[in-house]
C-alpha atoms as a PDB file:
ATOM      1  CA  MET A   1     116.732  81.167  94.938  1.00  0.00           C
ATOM      2  CA  GLN A   2     118.610  83.572  92.663  1.00  0.00           C
ATOM      3  CA  LYS A   3     117.555  87.170  93.233  1.00  0.00           C
ATOM      4  CA  LYS A   4     116.473  89.109  90.180  1.00  0.00           C
ATOM      5  CA  TYR A   5     117.144  92.571  91.617  1.00  0.00           C
ATOM      6  CA  ILE A   6     120.496  93.063  93.343  1.00  0.00           C
ATOM      7  CA  VAL A   7     121.057  96.155  95.508  1.00  0.00           C
ATOM      8  CA  ARG A   8     124.582  97.602  95.389  1.00  0.00           C
ATOM      9  CA  LEU A   9     124.969 100.828  97.324  1.00  0.00           C
ATOM     10  CA  SER A  10     127.775 103.337  96.881  1.00  0.00           C
ATOM     11  CA  GLU A  11     129.589 104.697  99.930  1.00  0.00           C
ATOM     12  CA  ASP A  12     127.762 108.020  99.572  1.00  0.00           C
ATOM     13  CA  GLU A  13     124.367 106.261  99.475  1.00  0.00           C
ATOM     14  CA  ARG A  14     125.243 104.261 102.601  1.00  0.00           C
ATOM     15  CA  GLN A  15     126.140 107.474 104.420  1.00  0.00           C
ATOM     16  CA  GLN A  16     122.848 109.100 103.380  1.00  0.00           C
ATOM     17  CA  LEU A  17     120.928 106.078 104.666  1.00  0.00           C
ATOM     18  CA  ASP A  18     122.845 106.151 107.955  1.00  0.00           C
ATOM     19  CA  VAL A  19     121.933 109.821 108.410  1.00  0.00           C
ATOM     20  CA  VAL A  20     118.239 109.099 107.753  1.00  0.00           C
ATOM     21  CA  ILE A  21     118.267 106.253 110.275  1.00  0.00           C
ATOM     22  CA  LYS A  22     120.234 108.058 112.996  1.00  0.00           C
ATOM     23  CA  LYS A  23     118.217 111.274 112.809  1.00  0.00           C
ATOM     24  CA  LEU A  24     114.935 109.479 112.053  1.00  0.00           C
ATOM     25  CA  SER A  25     114.428 112.144 109.410  1.00  0.00           C
ATOM     26  CA  GLY A  26     111.438 111.829 107.135  1.00  0.00           C
ATOM     27  CA  SER A  27     108.468 109.547 107.441  1.00  0.00           C
ATOM     28  CA  SER A  28     108.509 106.188 109.155  1.00  0.00           C
ATOM     29  CA  GLN A  29     108.262 104.616 105.701  1.00  0.00           C
ATOM     30  CA  LYS A  30     111.430 106.418 104.628  1.00  0.00           C
ATOM     31  CA  VAL A  31     113.307 105.177 107.699  1.00  0.00           C
ATOM     32  CA  ARG A  32     112.068 101.630 107.092  1.00  0.00           C
ATOM     33  CA  ARG A  33     113.159 101.803 103.436  1.00  0.00           C
ATOM     34  CA  ALA A  34     116.584 103.028 104.566  1.00  0.00           C
ATOM     35  CA  HIS A  35     116.935 100.082 106.964  1.00  0.00           C
ATOM     36  CA  ILE A  36     115.849  97.615 104.283  1.00  0.00           C
ATOM     37  CA  LEU A  37     118.225  99.033 101.662  1.00  0.00           C
ATOM     38  CA  LEU A  38     121.180  98.868 104.043  1.00  0.00           C
ATOM     39  CA  LYS A  39     120.507  95.259 104.977  1.00  0.00           C
ATOM     40  CA  ALA A  40     119.816  94.249 101.354  1.00  0.00           C
ATOM     41  CA  ASP A  41     123.115  95.701 100.105  1.00  0.00           C
ATOM     42  CA  ALA A  42     125.013  92.929  98.300  1.00  0.00           C
ATOM     43  CA  ASP A  43     128.353  94.551  99.198  1.00  0.00           C
ATOM     44  CA  GLY A  44     127.314  94.944 102.838  1.00  0.00           C
ATOM     45  CA  PRO A  45     125.368  92.621 105.135  1.00  0.00           C
ATOM     46  CA  ALA A  46     123.487  90.978 102.215  1.00  0.00           C
ATOM     47  CA  TRP A  47     120.668  89.662 104.383  1.00  0.00           C
ATOM     48  CA  THR A  48     118.045  87.441 102.830  1.00  0.00           C
ATOM     49  CA  ASP A  49     114.619  88.885 102.101  1.00  0.00           C
ATOM     50  CA  ALA A  50     113.065  86.680 104.777  1.00  0.00           C
ATOM     51  CA  ALA A  51     115.559  87.855 107.420  1.00  0.00           C
ATOM     52  CA  ILE A  52     114.983  91.509 106.502  1.00  0.00           C
ATOM     53  CA  ALA A  53     111.211  91.068 106.572  1.00  0.00           C
ATOM     54  CA  ASP A  54     111.410  89.388 109.957  1.00  0.00           C
ATOM     55  CA  ALA A  55     113.722  92.050 111.403  1.00  0.00           C
ATOM     56  CA  PHE A  56     111.631  95.009 110.271  1.00  0.00           C
ATOM     57  CA  ARG A  57     108.197  93.394 110.616  1.00  0.00           C
ATOM     58  CA  CYS A  58     107.123  93.600 107.007  1.00  0.00           C
ATOM     59  CA  ARG A  59     106.334  91.145 104.251  1.00  0.00           C
ATOM     60  CA  THR A  60     109.012  89.649 102.006  1.00  0.00           C
ATOM     61  CA  LYS A  61     107.096  91.152  99.076  1.00  0.00           C
ATOM     62  CA  THR A  62     107.782  94.606 100.530  1.00  0.00           C
ATOM     63  CA  VAL A  63     111.509  93.873 100.534  1.00  0.00           C
ATOM     64  CA  GLU A  64     111.317  92.539  96.960  1.00  0.00           C
ATOM     65  CA  ASN A  65     109.427  95.661  95.843  1.00  0.00           C
ATOM     66  CA  ILE A  66     112.043  97.948  97.404  1.00  0.00           C
ATOM     67  CA  ARG A  67     114.840  96.007  95.681  1.00  0.00           C
ATOM     68  CA  GLN A  68     113.017  96.253  92.361  1.00  0.00           C
ATOM     69  CA  ARG A  69     112.322  99.986  92.768  1.00  0.00           C
ATOM     70  CA  PHE A  70     116.001 100.592  93.582  1.00  0.00           C
ATOM     71  CA  VAL A  71     117.185  98.829  90.428  1.00  0.00           C
ATOM     72  CA  GLU A  72     114.536 100.302  88.112  1.00  0.00           C
ATOM     73  CA  PHE A  73     114.096 103.853  89.434  1.00  0.00           C
ATOM     74  CA  GLY A  74     117.227 104.630  91.429  1.00  0.00           C
ATOM     75  CA  PHE A  75     118.205 105.548  94.952  1.00  0.00           C
ATOM     76  CA  GLU A  76     116.316 108.826  95.440  1.00  0.00           C
ATOM     77  CA  GLN A  77     112.911 107.610  94.272  1.00  0.00           C
ATOM     78  CA  THR A  78     113.247 104.396  96.253  1.00  0.00           C
ATOM     79  CA  LEU A  79     114.063 106.214  99.461  1.00  0.00           C
ATOM     80  CA  ASP A  80     111.603 109.102  99.123  1.00  0.00           C
ATOM     81  CA  GLY A  81     108.807 107.206  97.402  1.00  0.00           C
ATOM     82  CA  LYS A  82     107.022 108.056  94.187  1.00  0.00           C
ATOM     83  CA  LYS A  83     105.480 111.504  94.105  1.00  0.00           C
ATOM     84  CA  ARG A  84     101.859 111.775  92.990  1.00  0.00           C
ATOM     85  CA  SER A  85     101.350 113.569  89.718  1.00  0.00           C
ATOM     86  CA  GLU A  86      97.877 114.799  90.674  1.00  0.00           C
ATOM     87  CA  PRO A  87      95.823 114.976  93.864  1.00  0.00           C
ATOM     88  CA  ALA A  88      94.341 111.690  95.064  1.00  0.00           C
ATOM     89  CA  VAL A  89      90.763 112.908  94.767  1.00  0.00           C
ATOM     90  CA  PRO A  90      89.742 115.770  92.509  1.00  0.00           C
ATOM     91  CA  LYS A  91      87.680 118.493  94.133  1.00  0.00           C
ATOM     92  CA  CYS A  92      83.933 117.919  93.647  1.00  0.00           C
ATOM     93  CA  LEU A  93      82.673 121.441  94.254  1.00  0.00           C
ATOM     94  CA  SER A  94      83.898 124.861  93.212  1.00  0.00           C
ATOM     95  CA  GLY A  95      84.266 127.636  95.765  1.00  0.00           C
ATOM     96  CA  ASP A  96      81.080 129.283  94.480  1.00  0.00           C
ATOM     97  CA  GLU A  97      79.090 126.056  94.909  1.00  0.00           C
ATOM     98  CA  GLU A  98      80.496 125.597  98.425  1.00  0.00           C
ATOM     99  CA  ALA A  99      79.444 129.143  99.332  1.00  0.00           C
ATOM    100  CA  LYS A 100      75.910 128.473  98.073  1.00  0.00           C
ATOM    101  CA  ILE A 101      75.708 125.251 100.113  1.00  0.00           C
ATOM    102  CA  ILE A 102      76.798 127.114 103.235  1.00  0.00           C
ATOM    103  CA  ALA A 103      74.283 129.872 102.566  1.00  0.00           C
ATOM    104  CA  THR A 104      71.528 127.282 102.128  1.00  0.00           C
ATOM    105  CA  ARG A 105      72.541 125.645 105.415  1.00  0.00           C
ATOM    106  CA  LEU A 106      72.313 128.988 107.234  1.00  0.00           C
ATOM    107  CA  GLY A 107      68.760 129.538 105.960  1.00  0.00           C
ATOM    108  CA  LYS A 108      65.592 128.149 107.494  1.00  0.00           C
ATOM    109  CA  PRO A 109      64.995 124.430 107.069  1.00  0.00           C
ATOM    110  CA  PRO A 110      61.932 123.302 105.107  1.00  0.00           C
ATOM    111  CA  ALA A 111      58.531 123.147 106.792  1.00  0.00           C
ATOM    112  CA  GLY A 112      58.216 120.186 109.113  1.00  0.00           C
ATOM    113  CA  TYR A 113      61.945 120.095 110.000  1.00  0.00           C
ATOM    114  CA  ALA A 114      63.609 121.721 112.988  1.00  0.00           C
ATOM    115  CA  ASN A 115      67.143 121.481 111.577  1.00  0.00           C
ATOM    116  CA  TRP A 116      68.927 120.653 108.336  1.00  0.00           C
ATOM    117  CA  SER A 117      70.136 117.074 108.081  1.00  0.00           C
ATOM    118  CA  LEU A 118      73.022 116.365 105.734  1.00  0.00           C
ATOM    119  CA  ARG A 119      70.861 114.258 103.444  1.00  0.00           C
ATOM    120  CA  LEU A 120      68.093 116.849 103.402  1.00  0.00           C
ATOM    121  CA  LEU A 121      70.611 119.577 102.582  1.00  0.00           C
ATOM    122  CA  ALA A 122      72.143 117.473  99.795  1.00  0.00           C
ATOM    123  CA  GLU A 123      68.702 116.939  98.259  1.00  0.00           C
ATOM    124  CA  LYS A 124      67.898 120.661  98.501  1.00  0.00           C
ATOM    125  CA  VAL A 125      71.206 121.608  96.827  1.00  0.00           C
ATOM    126  CA  VAL A 126      70.393 119.373  93.867  1.00  0.00           C
ATOM    127  CA  GLU A 127      66.810 120.642  93.801  1.00  0.00           C
ATOM    128  CA  LEU A 128      67.991 124.269  93.679  1.00  0.00           C
ATOM    129  CA  GLY A 129      70.352 123.424  90.818  1.00  0.00           C
ATOM    130  CA  ILE A 130      73.521 124.429  92.652  1.00  0.00           C
ATOM    131  CA  CYS A 131      75.122 121.253  91.341  1.00  0.00           C
ATOM    132  CA  GLN A 132      73.870 118.231  89.436  1.00  0.00           C
ATOM    133  CA  SER A 133      74.558 115.709  92.177  1.00  0.00           C
ATOM    134  CA  VAL A 134      76.187 115.792  95.585  1.00  0.00           C
ATOM    135  CA  SER A 135      76.435 113.263  98.384  1.00  0.00           C
ATOM    136  CA  HIS A 136      75.694 113.975 102.002  1.00  0.00           C
ATOM    137  CA  GLU A 137      79.346 113.220 102.782  1.00  0.00           C
ATOM    138  CA  THR A 138      80.545 115.980 100.435  1.00  0.00           C
ATOM    139  CA  VAL A 139      78.116 118.354 102.125  1.00  0.00           C
ATOM    140  CA  ARG A 140      79.459 117.285 105.527  1.00  0.00           C
ATOM    141  CA  GLN A 141      83.066 117.917 104.491  1.00  0.00           C
ATOM    142  CA  THR A 142      82.140 121.309 103.057  1.00  0.00           C
ATOM    143  CA  LEU A 143      80.380 122.347 106.244  1.00  0.00           C
ATOM    144  CA  LYS A 144      83.197 120.989 108.404  1.00  0.00           C
ATOM    145  CA  LYS A 145      85.642 123.409 106.770  1.00  0.00           C
ATOM    146  CA  ILE A 146      83.830 126.391 108.266  1.00  0.00           C
ATOM    147  CA  ALA A 147      83.233 124.897 111.706  1.00  0.00           C
END
């Protein structure tokens, strides 16, 4: 089958990939991408996608995606990966709200309870109007920061 995305590396790019592989610098994903790019080089070994996938224990789709990224976005972005433009999950609570949750946790639990449970604390936070809604998991993560 004719490949749509052909990888042709310059001598400088090959040397950079060799350095990454020999020093194992960067993440394991970066090292794997370096291996795949070297083996996919049309002017070098020119392995098939199936052979590369088998050698580096990945799917052929992974090899195809790396080829495509190299052609469309260039060497640097392919090797280093795409940088996120914003954090994966926006912060739910402000620092002031977190402080109020912690203060509530340090207070006495309601009558009939010996300790605060995460769900009970989440309900109390909403009841007090500290925030409109909060899950017990968010409360847990907030409290874990101070522990």
